[in-house]
C-alpha atoms as a PDB file:
ATOM      1  CA  MET A   1      38.428 -19.492  32.125  1.00  0.00           C
ATOM      2  CA  GLY A   2      39.862 -22.825  33.264  1.00  0.00           C
ATOM      3  CA  LEU A   3      39.364 -24.818  36.433  1.00  0.00           C
ATOM      4  CA  THR A   4      42.824 -23.917  37.691  1.00  0.00           C
ATOM      5  CA  GLU A   5      42.063 -20.223  37.363  1.00  0.00           C
ATOM      6  CA  LEU A   6      38.765 -20.607  39.179  1.00  0.00           C
ATOM      7  CA  ARG A   7      40.392 -22.589  42.051  1.00  0.00           C
ATOM      8  CA  GLU A   8      42.924 -19.782  42.472  1.00  0.00           C
ATOM      9  CA  MET A   9      40.137 -17.184  42.967  1.00  0.00           C
ATOM     10  CA  SER A  10      38.984 -15.902  46.330  1.00  0.00           C
ATOM     11  CA  PRO A  11      35.379 -16.510  47.423  1.00  0.00           C
ATOM     12  CA  GLU A  12      34.579 -12.825  46.755  1.00  0.00           C
ATOM     13  CA  GLU A  13      36.014 -13.061  43.234  1.00  0.00           C
ATOM     14  CA  LEU A  14      33.988 -16.201  42.658  1.00  0.00           C
ATOM     15  CA  ARG A  15      30.795 -14.418  43.721  1.00  0.00           C
ATOM     16  CA  GLU A  16      31.527 -11.463  41.424  1.00  0.00           C
ATOM     17  CA  ARG A  17      32.245 -13.838  38.495  1.00  0.00           C
ATOM     18  CA  GLU A  18      29.007 -15.785  39.177  1.00  0.00           C
ATOM     19  CA  ASN A  19      26.983 -12.532  39.111  1.00  0.00           C
ATOM     20  CA  ASP A  20      28.605 -11.588  35.732  1.00  0.00           C
ATOM     21  CA  LEU A  21      27.991 -15.015  34.293  1.00  0.00           C
ATOM     22  CA  ARG A  22      24.274 -14.986  35.338  1.00  0.00           C
ATOM     23  CA  GLU A  23      23.895 -11.549  33.715  1.00  0.00           C
ATOM     24  CA  SER A  24      25.499 -12.906  30.559  1.00  0.00           C
ATOM     25  CA  ILE A  25      23.162 -15.917  30.489  1.00  0.00           C
ATOM     26  CA  GLY A  26      20.229 -13.580  30.816  1.00  0.00           C
ATOM     27  CA  ARG A  27      21.300 -11.404  27.941  1.00  0.00           C
ATOM     28  CA  LEU A  28      22.179 -14.390  25.729  1.00  0.00           C
ATOM     29  CA  THR A  29      18.822 -15.996  26.463  1.00  0.00           C
ATOM     30  CA  MET A  30      16.998 -12.837  25.507  1.00  0.00           C
ATOM     31  CA  LYS A  31      19.017 -12.710  22.197  1.00  0.00           C
ATOM     32  CA  ARG A  32      18.290 -16.345  21.527  1.00  0.00           C
ATOM     33  CA  ASN A  33      14.572 -15.783  22.069  1.00  0.00           C
ATOM     34  CA  GLY A  34      14.677 -12.849  19.713  1.00  0.00           C
ATOM     35  CA  LYS A  35      16.503 -14.975  17.063  1.00  0.00           C
ATOM     36  CA  ARG A  36      19.519 -12.614  17.247  1.00  0.00           C
ATOM     37  CA  LEU A  37      22.100 -14.913  18.794  1.00  0.00           C
ATOM     38  CA  GLU A  38      25.151 -14.822  16.495  1.00  0.00           C
ATOM     39  CA  LYS A  39      27.100 -17.572  18.363  1.00  0.00           C
ATOM     40  CA  PRO A  40      24.717 -20.242  19.661  1.00  0.00           C
ATOM     41  CA  ASN A  41      27.607 -22.068  21.409  1.00  0.00           C
ATOM     42  CA  GLU A  42      28.340 -18.973  23.536  1.00  0.00           C
ATOM     43  CA  LEU A  43      25.281 -19.587  25.693  1.00  0.00           C
ATOM     44  CA  ARG A  44      26.453 -23.182  26.270  1.00  0.00           C
ATOM     45  CA  ARG A  45      29.973 -22.105  27.097  1.00  0.00           C
ATOM     46  CA  VAL A  46      28.733 -19.553  29.708  1.00  0.00           C
ATOM     47  CA  ARG A  47      26.476 -22.059  31.328  1.00  0.00           C
ATOM     48  CA  ARG A  48      29.240 -24.565  31.545  1.00  0.00           C
ATOM     49  CA  GLU A  49      31.590 -21.992  33.119  1.00  0.00           C
ATOM     50  CA  LEU A  50      28.926 -21.091  35.634  1.00  0.00           C
ATOM     51  CA  ALA A  51      28.535 -24.758  36.539  1.00  0.00           C
ATOM     52  CA  GLN A  52      32.255 -25.143  36.932  1.00  0.00           C
ATOM     53  CA  LEU A  53      32.474 -22.029  39.127  1.00  0.00           C
ATOM     54  CA  MET A  54      29.645 -23.221  41.330  1.00  0.00           C
ATOM     55  CA  THR A  55      31.403 -26.599  41.772  1.00  0.00           C
ATOM     56  CA  VAL A  56      34.617 -24.944  42.794  1.00  0.00           C
ATOM     57  CA  ALA A  57      32.756 -22.583  45.155  1.00  0.00           C
ATOM     58  CA  SER A  58      30.998 -25.580  46.860  1.00  0.00           C
ATOM     59  CA  GLU A  59      34.360 -27.445  47.152  1.00  0.00           C
ATOM     60  CA  LYS A  60      35.853 -24.430  48.840  1.00  0.00           C
ATOM     61  CA  ALA A  61      32.917 -24.061  51.197  1.00  0.00           C
ATOM     62  CA  ALA A  62      33.083 -27.705  52.094  1.00  0.00           C
ATOM     63  CA  ALA A  63      36.862 -27.472  52.701  1.00  0.00           C
ATOM     64  CA  ALA A  64      36.315 -24.360  54.846  1.00  0.00           C
ATOM     65  CA  SER A  65      33.598 -26.039  56.942  1.00  0.00           C
ATOM     66  CA  ASP A  66      35.719 -29.225  57.417  1.00  0.00           C
ATOM     67  CA  GLY A  67      38.660 -27.079  58.559  1.00  0.00           C
ATOM     68  CA  ALA A  68      36.479 -25.022  60.981  1.00  0.00           C
ATOM     69  CA  SER A  69      34.931 -28.108  62.620  1.00  0.00           C
ATOM     70  CA  GLU A  70      38.296 -29.635  63.536  1.00  0.00           C
END
């Protein structure tokens, strides 16, 4: 999922996606620890997407608080 798609999502959708990504990271980490991870780059991709999502969420929160204080 690209940054433009993330920026178009509502805060509720971002929270849902964050929960899904965190679950995926947990599953992939367990597989990696059990030496059963078929695609090692998958864990890296999911972590990167989570970081991007959290950045977009914080940008939206900052924009909302700036708009509310004026």
